[in-house]
Every structure is written in structure tokens, then in C-alpha cells.
Amino acid sequence: MEIQGFKNENRTYGSVRCYPVIIENKVKGALITALRSHYDASVIEIIAPVFLRKRLKLKDGHKVKVEVLTLP
């Protein structure tokens, strides 16, 4: 899925592509790839409907299993 970029009073947000994922075999979420980003290729962005740090008891530096779901 692609989400179109938008602009508010203060800044412009670029388009993103979203891919469904399962985080730690527990939480559904999405991997997002921004068409414009300030991160380098060593960083991926994951979003979820819950606060992942709290739900999975994560701290900086913890490794997390992320399974990208594909169509059969």
C-alpha cells in the first residue's frame, strides 16, 4: 500500500510504502519505507497500533524479529 505525502503549516511529509509484518510473532504492524527519509539504509521503520516498546518490553539495542508477510 502507498500513502501519499502531505503538507501541514510547518513541514512537508513525503509518500511512504507500507508492507504488512508480524513483530515477535505477536503484534501485527507495518514496515514503512519513506521515499524521502533522513535515515540511512541500516534503519527500518515499523509502525503498529500498540506501543511496541511497552508491549514487547523493549529497550534501545534490543533485537526484534520482524516477519514481512507476502501474498501467496
PDB file of N, CA and C in Angstrom:
ATOM      1  N   MET A   1       0.850  -1.160   0.000  1.00  0.00           N
ATOM      2  CA  MET A   1       0.000   0.000   0.000  1.00  0.00           C
ATOM      3  C   MET A   1       0.904   1.234   0.000  1.00  0.00           C
ATOM      4  N   GLU A   2       0.492   2.246  -0.716  1.00  0.00           N
ATOM      5  CA  GLU A   2       1.234   3.508  -0.698  1.00  0.00           C
ATOM      6  C   GLU A   2       0.347   4.587  -0.096  1.00  0.00           C
ATOM      7  N   ILE A   3       0.935   5.374   0.797  1.00  0.00           N
ATOM      8  CA  ILE A   3       0.238   6.506   1.410  1.00  0.00           C
ATOM      9  C   ILE A   3       0.866   7.770   0.839  1.00  0.00           C
ATOM     10  N   GLN A   4       0.046   8.602   0.251  1.00  0.00           N
ATOM     11  CA  GLN A   4       0.531   9.829  -0.373  1.00  0.00           C
ATOM     12  C   GLN A   4       1.037  10.815   0.673  1.00  0.00           C
ATOM     13  N   GLY A   5       2.038  11.571   0.297  1.00  0.00           N
ATOM     14  CA  GLY A   5       2.575  12.603   1.170  1.00  0.00           C
ATOM     15  C   GLY A   5       1.580  13.732   1.367  1.00  0.00           C
ATOM     16  N   PHE A   6       1.877  14.583   2.340  1.00  0.00           N
ATOM     17  CA  PHE A   6       1.005  15.720   2.602  1.00  0.00           C
ATOM     18  C   PHE A   6       1.830  16.846   3.226  1.00  0.00           C
ATOM     19  N   LYS A   7       1.210  17.996   3.353  1.00  0.00           N
ATOM     20  CA  LYS A   7       1.879  19.175   3.873  1.00  0.00           C
ATOM     21  C   LYS A   7       1.002  19.794   4.946  1.00  0.00           C
ATOM     22  N   ASN A   8       1.633  20.226   6.055  1.00  0.00           N
ATOM     23  CA  ASN A   8       0.868  20.994   7.042  1.00  0.00           C
ATOM     24  C   ASN A   8       1.498  22.379   7.139  1.00  0.00           C
ATOM     25  N   GLU A   9       1.152  23.141   8.141  1.00  0.00           N
ATOM     26  CA  GLU A   9       1.666  24.505   8.257  1.00  0.00           C
ATOM     27  C   GLU A   9       3.182  24.561   8.393  1.00  0.00           C
ATOM     28  N   ASN A  10       3.771  23.534   9.011  1.00  0.00           N
ATOM     29  CA  ASN A  10       5.191  23.596   9.350  1.00  0.00           C
ATOM     30  C   ASN A  10       6.121  22.799   8.464  1.00  0.00           C
ATOM     31  N   ARG A  11       5.640  21.720   7.846  1.00  0.00           N
ATOM     32  CA  ARG A  11       6.552  20.896   7.061  1.00  0.00           C
ATOM     33  C   ARG A  11       5.813  20.045   6.043  1.00  0.00           C
ATOM     34  N   THR A  12       6.602  19.404   5.195  1.00  0.00           N
ATOM     35  CA  THR A  12       6.083  18.507   4.175  1.00  0.00           C
ATOM     36  C   THR A  12       6.472  17.081   4.532  1.00  0.00           C
ATOM     37  N   TYR A  13       5.539  16.160   4.394  1.00  0.00           N
ATOM     38  CA  TYR A  13       5.770  14.740   4.650  1.00  0.00           C
ATOM     39  C   TYR A  13       5.685  14.005   3.323  1.00  0.00           C
ATOM     40  N   GLY A  14       6.700  13.224   2.997  1.00  0.00           N
ATOM     41  CA  GLY A  14       6.734  12.504   1.735  1.00  0.00           C
ATOM     42  C   GLY A  14       5.891  11.241   1.765  1.00  0.00           C
ATOM     43  N   SER A  15       5.689  10.678   0.601  1.00  0.00           N
ATOM     44  CA  SER A  15       4.946   9.427   0.468  1.00  0.00           C
ATOM     45  C   SER A  15       5.698   8.277   1.126  1.00  0.00           C
ATOM     46  N   VAL A  16       4.949   7.261   1.549  1.00  0.00           N
ATOM     47  CA  VAL A  16       5.552   6.053   2.113  1.00  0.00           C
ATOM     48  C   VAL A  16       4.871   4.828   1.521  1.00  0.00           C
ATOM     49  N   ARG A  17       5.618   3.742   1.467  1.00  0.00           N
ATOM     50  CA  ARG A  17       5.060   2.439   1.114  1.00  0.00           C
ATOM     51  C   ARG A  17       4.994   1.614   2.385  1.00  0.00           C
ATOM     52  N   CYS A  18       3.932   0.842   2.537  1.00  0.00           N
ATOM     53  CA  CYS A  18       3.716   0.034   3.744  1.00  0.00           C
ATOM     54  C   CYS A  18       3.618  -1.438   3.365  1.00  0.00           C
ATOM     55  N   TYR A  19       4.276  -2.282   4.162  1.00  0.00           N
ATOM     56  CA  TYR A  19       4.256  -3.723   3.963  1.00  0.00           C
ATOM     57  C   TYR A  19       3.818  -4.379   5.270  1.00  0.00           C
ATOM     58  N   PRO A  20       2.851  -5.295   5.234  1.00  0.00           N
ATOM     59  CA  PRO A  20       2.376  -5.916   6.472  1.00  0.00           C
ATOM     60  C   PRO A  20       3.459  -6.789   7.102  1.00  0.00           C
ATOM     61  N   VAL A  21       3.549  -6.733   8.440  1.00  0.00           N
ATOM     62  CA  VAL A  21       4.542  -7.507   9.179  1.00  0.00           C
ATOM     63  C   VAL A  21       3.924  -8.073  10.450  1.00  0.00           C
ATOM     64  N   ILE A  22       4.605  -9.067  11.000  1.00  0.00           N
ATOM     65  CA  ILE A  22       4.315  -9.584  12.336  1.00  0.00           C
ATOM     66  C   ILE A  22       5.598  -9.376  13.146  1.00  0.00           C
ATOM     67  N   ILE A  23       5.469  -8.734  14.293  1.00  0.00           N
ATOM     68  CA  ILE A  23       6.621  -8.420  15.130  1.00  0.00           C
ATOM     69  C   ILE A  23       6.657  -9.400  16.298  1.00  0.00           C
ATOM     70  N   GLU A  24       7.783 -10.100  16.439  1.00  0.00           N
ATOM     71  CA  GLU A  24       7.978 -11.064  17.533  1.00  0.00           C
ATOM     72  C   GLU A  24       6.856 -12.109  17.616  1.00  0.00           C
ATOM     73  N   ASN A  25       6.289 -12.481  16.465  1.00  0.00           N
ATOM     74  CA  ASN A  25       5.197 -13.469  16.401  1.00  0.00           C
ATOM     75  C   ASN A  25       3.992 -13.082  17.245  1.00  0.00           C
ATOM     76  N   LYS A  26       3.843 -11.784  17.568  1.00  0.00           N
ATOM     77  CA  LYS A  26       2.778 -11.353  18.477  1.00  0.00           C
ATOM     78  C   LYS A  26       1.939 -10.191  17.972  1.00  0.00           C
ATOM     79  N   VAL A  27       2.568  -9.230  17.325  1.00  0.00           N
ATOM     80  CA  VAL A  27       1.893  -7.967  17.019  1.00  0.00           C
ATOM     81  C   VAL A  27       1.880  -7.727  15.516  1.00  0.00           C
ATOM     82  N   LYS A  28       0.692  -7.424  14.967  1.00  0.00           N
ATOM     83  CA  LYS A  28       0.597  -7.030  13.564  1.00  0.00           C
ATOM     84  C   LYS A  28       1.002  -5.571  13.437  1.00  0.00           C
ATOM     85  N   GLY A  29       1.708  -5.274  12.364  1.00  0.00           N
ATOM     86  CA  GLY A  29       2.134  -3.900  12.129  1.00  0.00           C
ATOM     87  C   GLY A  29       2.479  -3.720  10.673  1.00  0.00           C
ATOM     88  N   ALA A  30       3.280  -2.710  10.388  1.00  0.00           N
ATOM     89  CA  ALA A  30       3.703  -2.440   9.016  1.00  0.00           C
ATOM     90  C   ALA A  30       5.136  -1.933   9.000  1.00  0.00           C
ATOM     91  N   LEU A  31       5.863  -2.392   8.010  1.00  0.00           N
ATOM     92  CA  LEU A  31       7.183  -1.839   7.713  1.00  0.00           C
ATOM     93  C   LEU A  31       6.919  -0.706   6.742  1.00  0.00           C
ATOM     94  N   ILE A  32       7.462   0.459   7.016  1.00  0.00           N
ATOM     95  CA  ILE A  32       7.254   1.573   6.095  1.00  0.00           C
ATOM     96  C   ILE A  32       8.584   1.984   5.484  1.00  0.00           C
ATOM     97  N   THR A  33       8.538   2.255   4.202  1.00  0.00           N
ATOM     98  CA  THR A  33       9.705   2.785   3.511  1.00  0.00           C
ATOM     99  C   THR A  33       9.330   4.154   2.987  1.00  0.00           C
ATOM    100  N   ALA A  34      10.018   5.134   3.479  1.00  0.00           N
ATOM    101  CA  ALA A  34       9.752   6.509   3.060  1.00  0.00           C
ATOM    102  C   ALA A  34      10.506   6.785   1.765  1.00  0.00           C
ATOM    103  N   LEU A  35       9.834   7.422   0.839  1.00  0.00           N
ATOM    104  CA  LEU A  35      10.500   7.793  -0.393  1.00  0.00           C
ATOM    105  C   LEU A  35      11.507   8.911  -0.141  1.00  0.00           C
ATOM    106  N   ARG A  36      11.329   9.604   0.985  1.00  0.00           N
ATOM    107  CA  ARG A  36      12.262  10.651   1.407  1.00  0.00           C
ATOM    108  C   ARG A  36      12.486  10.454   2.897  1.00  0.00           C
ATOM    109  N   SER A  37      13.726  10.238   3.317  1.00  0.00           N
ATOM    110  CA  SER A  37      13.986   9.947   4.723  1.00  0.00           C
ATOM    111  C   SER A  37      15.327  10.520   5.149  1.00  0.00           C
ATOM    112  N   HIS A  38      15.481  10.771   6.453  1.00  0.00           N
ATOM    113  CA  HIS A  38      16.773  11.214   6.967  1.00  0.00           C
ATOM    114  C   HIS A  38      17.558  10.049   7.553  1.00  0.00           C
ATOM    115  N   TYR A  39      16.998   8.815   7.495  1.00  0.00           N
ATOM    116  CA  TYR A  39      17.702   7.622   7.955  1.00  0.00           C
ATOM    117  C   TYR A  39      18.489   7.003   6.807  1.00  0.00           C
ATOM    118  N   ASP A  40      19.601   6.313   7.153  1.00  0.00           N
ATOM    119  CA  ASP A  40      20.320   5.569   6.123  1.00  0.00           C
ATOM    120  C   ASP A  40      19.738   4.163   6.016  1.00  0.00           C
ATOM    121  N   ALA A  41      20.312   3.333   5.146  1.00  0.00           N
ATOM    122  CA  ALA A  41      19.764   2.001   4.861  1.00  0.00           C
ATOM    123  C   ALA A  41      19.873   1.031   6.038  1.00  0.00           C
ATOM    124  N   SER A  42      20.578   1.391   7.104  1.00  0.00           N
ATOM    125  CA  SER A  42      20.714   0.491   8.253  1.00  0.00           C
ATOM    126  C   SER A  42      19.510   0.566   9.198  1.00  0.00           C
ATOM    127  N   VAL A  43      18.561   1.461   8.919  1.00  0.00           N
ATOM    128  CA  VAL A  43      17.406   1.659   9.797  1.00  0.00           C
ATOM    129  C   VAL A  43      16.125   1.329   9.037  1.00  0.00           C
ATOM    130  N   ILE A  44      15.257   0.516   9.669  1.00  0.00           N
ATOM    131  CA  ILE A  44      13.922   0.313   9.112  1.00  0.00           C
ATOM    132  C   ILE A  44      12.917   0.909  10.090  1.00  0.00           C
ATOM    133  N   GLU A  45      11.789   1.322   9.572  1.00  0.00           N
ATOM    134  CA  GLU A  45      10.746   1.900  10.423  1.00  0.00           C
ATOM    135  C   GLU A  45       9.555   0.951  10.461  1.00  0.00           C
ATOM    136  N   ILE A  46       9.129   0.638  11.676  1.00  0.00           N
ATOM    137  CA  ILE A  46       7.998  -0.246  11.913  1.00  0.00           C
ATOM    138  C   ILE A  46       6.936   0.544  12.675  1.00  0.00           C
ATOM    139  N   ILE A  47       5.686   0.422  12.230  1.00  0.00           N
ATOM    140  CA  ILE A  47       4.582   1.044  12.958  1.00  0.00           C
ATOM    141  C   ILE A  47       3.612  -0.052  13.386  1.00  0.00           C
ATOM    142  N   ALA A  48       2.880   0.206  14.448  1.00  0.00           N
ATOM    143  CA  ALA A  48       1.918  -0.763  14.975  1.00  0.00           C
ATOM    144  C   ALA A  48       0.825  -0.011  15.726  1.00  0.00           C
ATOM    145  N   PRO A  49      -0.320  -0.650  15.928  1.00  0.00           N
ATOM    146  CA  PRO A  49      -1.403   0.007  16.647  1.00  0.00           C
ATOM    147  C   PRO A  49      -1.194   0.048  18.160  1.00  0.00           C
ATOM    148  N   VAL A  50      -0.102  -0.550  18.634  1.00  0.00           N
ATOM    149  CA  VAL A  50       0.222  -0.538  20.065  1.00  0.00           C
ATOM    150  C   VAL A  50       1.627   0.025  20.238  1.00  0.00           C
ATOM    151  N   PHE A  51       1.950   0.454  21.451  1.00  0.00           N
ATOM    152  CA  PHE A  51       3.281   0.964  21.761  1.00  0.00           C
ATOM    153  C   PHE A  51       4.214  -0.240  21.909  1.00  0.00           C
ATOM    154  N   LEU A  52       5.017  -0.486  20.885  1.00  0.00           N
ATOM    155  CA  LEU A  52       5.829  -1.705  20.836  1.00  0.00           C
ATOM    156  C   LEU A  52       6.825  -1.817  21.982  1.00  0.00           C
ATOM    157  N   ARG A  53       7.442  -0.729  22.362  1.00  0.00           N
ATOM    158  CA  ARG A  53       8.423  -0.788  23.463  1.00  0.00           C
ATOM    159  C   ARG A  53       7.770  -1.326  24.741  1.00  0.00           C
ATOM    160  N   LYS A  54       6.568  -0.875  25.026  1.00  0.00           N
ATOM    161  CA  LYS A  54       5.887  -1.330  26.233  1.00  0.00           C
ATOM    162  C   LYS A  54       5.369  -2.759  26.076  1.00  0.00           C
ATOM    163  N   ARG A  55       4.681  -3.023  24.974  1.00  0.00           N
ATOM    164  CA  ARG A  55       4.070  -4.342  24.755  1.00  0.00           C
ATOM    165  C   ARG A  55       5.113  -5.456  24.739  1.00  0.00           C
ATOM    166  N   LEU A  56       6.288  -5.190  24.127  1.00  0.00           N
ATOM    167  CA  LEU A  56       7.319  -6.218  23.995  1.00  0.00           C
ATOM    168  C   LEU A  56       8.468  -6.036  24.980  1.00  0.00           C
ATOM    169  N   LYS A  57       8.325  -5.069  25.884  1.00  0.00           N
ATOM    170  CA  LYS A  57       9.350  -4.778  26.900  1.00  0.00           C
ATOM    171  C   LYS A  57      10.720  -4.544  26.256  1.00  0.00           C
ATOM    172  N   LEU A  58      10.748  -3.614  25.279  1.00  0.00           N
ATOM    173  CA  LEU A  58      11.958  -3.332  24.514  1.00  0.00           C
ATOM    174  C   LEU A  58      12.721  -2.143  25.081  1.00  0.00           C
ATOM    175  N   LYS A  59      14.024  -2.211  24.932  1.00  0.00           N
ATOM    176  CA  LYS A  59      14.911  -1.092  25.249  1.00  0.00           C
ATOM    177  C   LYS A  59      15.815  -0.864  24.042  1.00  0.00           C
ATOM    178  N   ASP A  60      16.473   0.292  23.973  1.00  0.00           N
ATOM    179  CA  ASP A  60      17.404   0.566  22.885  1.00  0.00           C
ATOM    180  C   ASP A  60      18.412  -0.571  22.768  1.00  0.00           C
ATOM    181  N   GLY A  61      18.653  -1.008  21.535  1.00  0.00           N
ATOM    182  CA  GLY A  61      19.636  -2.050  21.291  1.00  0.00           C
ATOM    183  C   GLY A  61      19.072  -3.467  21.264  1.00  0.00           C
ATOM    184  N   HIS A  62      17.837  -3.662  21.713  1.00  0.00           N
ATOM    185  CA  HIS A  62      17.236  -4.995  21.663  1.00  0.00           C
ATOM    186  C   HIS A  62      17.009  -5.412  20.215  1.00  0.00           C
ATOM    187  N   LYS A  63      17.206  -6.690  19.946  1.00  0.00           N
ATOM    188  CA  LYS A  63      16.913  -7.225  18.622  1.00  0.00           C
ATOM    189  C   LYS A  63      15.458  -7.673  18.606  1.00  0.00           C
ATOM    190  N   VAL A  64      14.807  -7.478  17.455  1.00  0.00           N
ATOM    191  CA  VAL A  64      13.397  -7.795  17.306  1.00  0.00           C
ATOM    192  C   VAL A  64      13.211  -8.590  16.017  1.00  0.00           C
ATOM    193  N   LYS A  65      12.442  -9.671  16.099  1.00  0.00           N
ATOM    194  CA  LYS A  65      12.129 -10.461  14.904  1.00  0.00           C
ATOM    195  C   LYS A  65      10.959  -9.795  14.201  1.00  0.00           C
ATOM    196  N   VAL A  66      11.142  -9.513  12.909  1.00  0.00           N
ATOM    197  CA  VAL A  66      10.094  -8.911  12.089  1.00  0.00           C
ATOM    198  C   VAL A  66       9.913  -9.792  10.867  1.00  0.00           C
ATOM    199  N   GLU A  67       8.706 -10.334  10.708  1.00  0.00           N
ATOM    200  CA  GLU A  67       8.395 -11.178   9.547  1.00  0.00           C
ATOM    201  C   GLU A  67       7.545 -10.379   8.579  1.00  0.00           C
ATOM    202  N   VAL A  68       8.057 -10.184   7.360  1.00  0.00           N
ATOM    203  CA  VAL A  68       7.313  -9.448   6.329  1.00  0.00           C
ATOM    204  C   VAL A  68       6.387 -10.439   5.648  1.00  0.00           C
ATOM    205  N   LEU A  69       5.097 -10.123   5.612  1.00  0.00           N
ATOM    206  CA  LEU A  69       4.095 -11.004   5.027  1.00  0.00           C
ATOM    207  C   LEU A  69       3.983 -10.734   3.532  1.00  0.00           C
ATOM    208  N   THR A  70       3.906 -11.804   2.753  1.00  0.00           N
ATOM    209  CA  THR A  70       3.780 -11.665   1.310  1.00  0.00           C
ATOM    210  C   THR A  70       2.516 -12.382   0.859  1.00  0.00           C
ATOM    211  N   LEU A  71       2.061 -12.047  -0.301  1.00  0.00           N
ATOM    212  CA  LEU A  71       0.879 -12.712  -0.865  1.00  0.00           C
ATOM    213  C   LEU A  71       1.275 -14.103  -1.345  1.00  0.00           C
ATOM    214  N   PRO A  72       0.371 -15.085  -1.205  1.00  0.00           N
ATOM    215  CA  PRO A  72       0.682 -16.451  -1.675  1.00  0.00           C
ATOM    216  C   PRO A  72       0.780 -16.531  -3.180  1.00  0.00           C
TER     217      PRO A  72
END
